[in-house]
């Protein structure tokens, strides 16, 4: 009969106090209820911690995806170019969530190197198979975009206006 349940869900704290509990005049006072409320609110993890745990989980999944594609390539189940999207996703995630501009720039440099390698592979493939012209153009454009992004990031890190 007069139970109080405190549970957190997202950013909210719910109290289920039945009417009998609230009318109880023995040991329950407003001060006791306020202390209970304070204890429950203190136990709720702030939104940043929840965001941090979600980001960690995302990174773990992206690492697993990248590892899986590397294994598929090593096993001969896919071409090297098929591993690129998973690797790029991981590097872009790490760049976007870097703790400092310097760290973000380091990840962008890895992205540029990967895009340059992709572009070289498509250029060689294009010589053997002209039907890959569109993929070669897309690869070259992505490489140029990655280089532009790197230059922009470096300019911002130096405090230059773009």
Protein backbone atom coordinates (compact mmCIF):
# COMPACT_ATOMS: atom_id res chain seq x y z
CA UNK A 1 0.00 0.00 0.00
CA UNK A 2 1.92 3.29 0.16
CA UNK A 3 4.93 2.55 -1.99
CA UNK A 4 7.06 5.12 -3.68
CA UNK A 5 8.91 4.15 -6.79
CA UNK A 6 11.56 6.34 -8.33
CA UNK A 7 12.91 5.45 -11.74
CA UNK A 8 14.64 7.48 -14.38
CA UNK A 9 13.81 7.38 -18.03
CA UNK A 10 15.79 9.61 -20.33
CA UNK A 11 15.80 13.06 -18.77
CA UNK A 12 12.70 12.60 -16.67
CA UNK A 13 12.19 11.23 -13.19
CA UNK A 14 8.84 9.68 -12.40
CA UNK A 15 7.38 9.31 -8.97
CA UNK A 16 4.51 6.96 -8.40
CA UNK A 17 3.00 7.87 -5.09
CA UNK A 18 -0.46 6.59 -4.42
CA UNK A 19 -2.99 8.74 -2.62
CA UNK A 20 -2.86 6.61 0.52
CA UNK A 21 0.89 7.22 0.83
CA UNK A 22 0.45 10.97 0.46
CA UNK A 23 -2.25 11.04 3.14
CA UNK A 24 -0.18 9.05 5.60
CA UNK A 25 0.48 11.32 8.61
CA UNK A 26 2.86 9.13 10.62
CA UNK A 27 6.52 9.61 9.60
CA UNK A 28 6.15 11.00 6.13
CA UNK A 29 6.62 14.74 5.91
CA UNK A 30 7.23 17.12 3.11
CA UNK A 31 10.90 17.16 4.06
CA UNK A 32 11.07 13.39 3.63
CA UNK A 33 9.45 13.64 0.23
CA UNK A 34 11.87 16.40 -0.79
CA UNK A 35 14.81 14.27 0.32
CA UNK A 36 13.46 11.36 -1.69
CA UNK A 37 13.02 13.59 -4.73
CA UNK A 38 16.56 14.95 -4.36
CA UNK A 39 18.03 11.44 -4.06
CA UNK A 40 16.22 10.28 -7.19
CA UNK A 41 17.23 13.33 -9.20
CA UNK A 42 20.86 12.90 -8.11
CA UNK A 43 20.83 9.32 -9.40
CA UNK A 44 19.83 10.35 -12.92
CA UNK A 45 22.83 10.49 -15.23
CA UNK A 46 23.18 13.80 -17.05
CA UNK A 47 22.49 13.94 -20.78
CA UNK A 48 26.18 14.31 -21.61
CA UNK A 49 26.97 10.92 -20.09
CA UNK A 50 24.20 9.36 -22.11
CA UNK A 51 25.50 11.07 -25.24
CA UNK A 52 29.01 9.86 -24.43
CA UNK A 53 27.85 6.25 -24.07
CA UNK A 54 25.98 6.47 -27.38
CA UNK A 55 29.04 7.89 -29.11
CA UNK A 56 31.20 5.12 -27.67
CA UNK A 57 28.76 2.49 -28.90
CA UNK A 58 28.67 4.07 -32.36
CA UNK A 59 32.45 4.06 -32.56
CA UNK A 60 32.59 0.41 -31.49
CA UNK A 61 30.12 -0.53 -34.21
CA UNK A 62 32.03 1.44 -36.83
CA UNK A 63 35.28 -0.27 -35.78
CA UNK A 64 33.59 -3.68 -36.10
CA UNK A 65 32.26 -2.76 -39.55
CA UNK A 66 35.72 -1.64 -40.66
CA UNK A 67 37.31 -4.81 -39.28
CA UNK A 68 34.68 -6.96 -40.98
CA UNK A 69 35.31 -5.36 -44.37
CA UNK A 70 39.08 -5.77 -43.94
CA UNK A 71 38.54 -9.46 -43.20
CA UNK A 72 36.29 -9.83 -46.23
CA UNK A 73 38.98 -8.23 -48.40
CA UNK A 74 41.72 -10.46 -46.96
CA UNK A 75 39.52 -13.50 -47.60
CA UNK A 76 39.00 -12.47 -51.21
CA UNK A 77 35.28 -11.88 -50.74
CA UNK A 78 35.39 -8.26 -51.91
CA UNK A 79 37.55 -5.80 -53.80
CA UNK A 80 39.64 -3.28 -51.86
CA UNK A 81 37.44 -0.40 -53.02
CA UNK A 82 34.48 -2.02 -51.24
CA UNK A 83 36.27 -1.58 -47.91
CA UNK A 84 36.53 2.18 -48.34
CA UNK A 85 33.02 3.23 -47.20
CA UNK A 86 33.35 1.48 -43.83
CA UNK A 87 36.82 2.95 -43.24
CA UNK A 88 35.64 6.43 -44.27
CA UNK A 89 32.64 6.24 -41.99
CA UNK A 90 34.91 5.45 -39.03
CA UNK A 91 37.44 8.17 -39.88
CA UNK A 92 34.73 10.79 -40.45
CA UNK A 93 33.08 9.88 -37.16
CA UNK A 94 36.39 10.23 -35.33
CA UNK A 95 37.13 13.51 -37.11
CA UNK A 96 33.71 14.94 -36.28
CA UNK A 97 34.02 13.95 -32.62
CA UNK A 98 37.69 14.76 -32.12
CA UNK A 99 38.60 16.36 -28.81
CA UNK A 100 40.75 19.03 -30.45
CA UNK A 101 41.20 20.66 -33.86
CA UNK A 102 44.65 19.06 -34.11
CA UNK A 103 43.16 15.60 -33.61
CA UNK A 104 40.43 16.33 -36.17
CA UNK A 105 43.06 17.43 -38.68
CA UNK A 106 44.98 14.18 -38.13
CA UNK A 107 41.87 12.16 -38.97
CA UNK A 108 41.20 14.34 -42.01
CA UNK A 109 44.74 13.65 -43.23
CA UNK A 110 43.96 9.93 -43.02
CA UNK A 111 40.80 10.53 -45.03
CA UNK A 112 42.81 12.40 -47.69
CA UNK A 113 45.36 9.57 -47.88
CA UNK A 114 42.58 6.99 -48.26
CA UNK A 115 40.85 9.05 -50.95
CA UNK A 116 44.15 9.50 -52.82
CA UNK A 117 44.76 5.75 -52.77
CA UNK A 118 41.20 5.14 -53.98
CA UNK A 119 41.76 7.61 -56.80
CA UNK A 120 44.98 5.84 -57.86
CA UNK A 121 43.22 2.47 -57.88
CA UNK A 122 40.39 3.80 -60.05
CA UNK A 123 42.83 5.45 -62.44
CA UNK A 124 44.64 2.13 -62.93
CA UNK A 125 41.33 0.29 -63.30
CA UNK A 126 40.16 2.87 -65.81
CA UNK A 127 43.04 1.99 -68.13
CA UNK A 128 41.85 -1.62 -68.22
CA UNK A 129 38.11 -0.90 -68.18
CA UNK A 130 36.91 2.44 -69.63
CA UNK A 131 33.40 1.78 -68.29
CA UNK A 132 34.69 2.81 -64.84
CA UNK A 133 35.01 6.45 -65.94
CA UNK A 134 32.13 7.66 -63.73
CA UNK A 135 33.56 5.91 -60.66
CA UNK A 136 36.96 7.43 -61.43
CA UNK A 137 35.40 10.91 -61.62
CA UNK A 138 33.54 10.37 -58.35
CA UNK A 139 36.71 9.17 -56.69
CA UNK A 140 38.70 12.18 -57.94
CA UNK A 141 35.98 14.59 -56.81
CA UNK A 142 35.86 12.98 -53.36
CA UNK A 143 39.64 13.26 -53.12
CA UNK A 144 39.53 16.97 -54.00
CA UNK A 145 36.71 17.56 -51.50
CA UNK A 146 38.72 15.84 -48.75
CA UNK A 147 41.77 18.00 -49.55
CA UNK A 148 39.63 21.16 -49.49
CA UNK A 149 38.19 20.16 -46.13
CA UNK A 150 41.71 19.59 -44.77
CA UNK A 151 42.87 23.03 -45.93
CA UNK A 152 39.78 24.63 -44.38
CA UNK A 153 40.38 22.84 -41.07
CA UNK A 154 44.04 23.87 -41.04
CA UNK A 155 43.12 27.49 -41.81
CA UNK A 156 40.59 27.54 -38.96
CA UNK A 157 43.14 26.01 -36.59
CA UNK A 158 45.57 28.83 -37.45
CA UNK A 159 42.79 31.36 -36.84
CA UNK A 160 42.55 32.47 -40.44
CA UNK A 161 39.28 33.59 -41.91
CA UNK A 162 38.07 31.67 -44.95
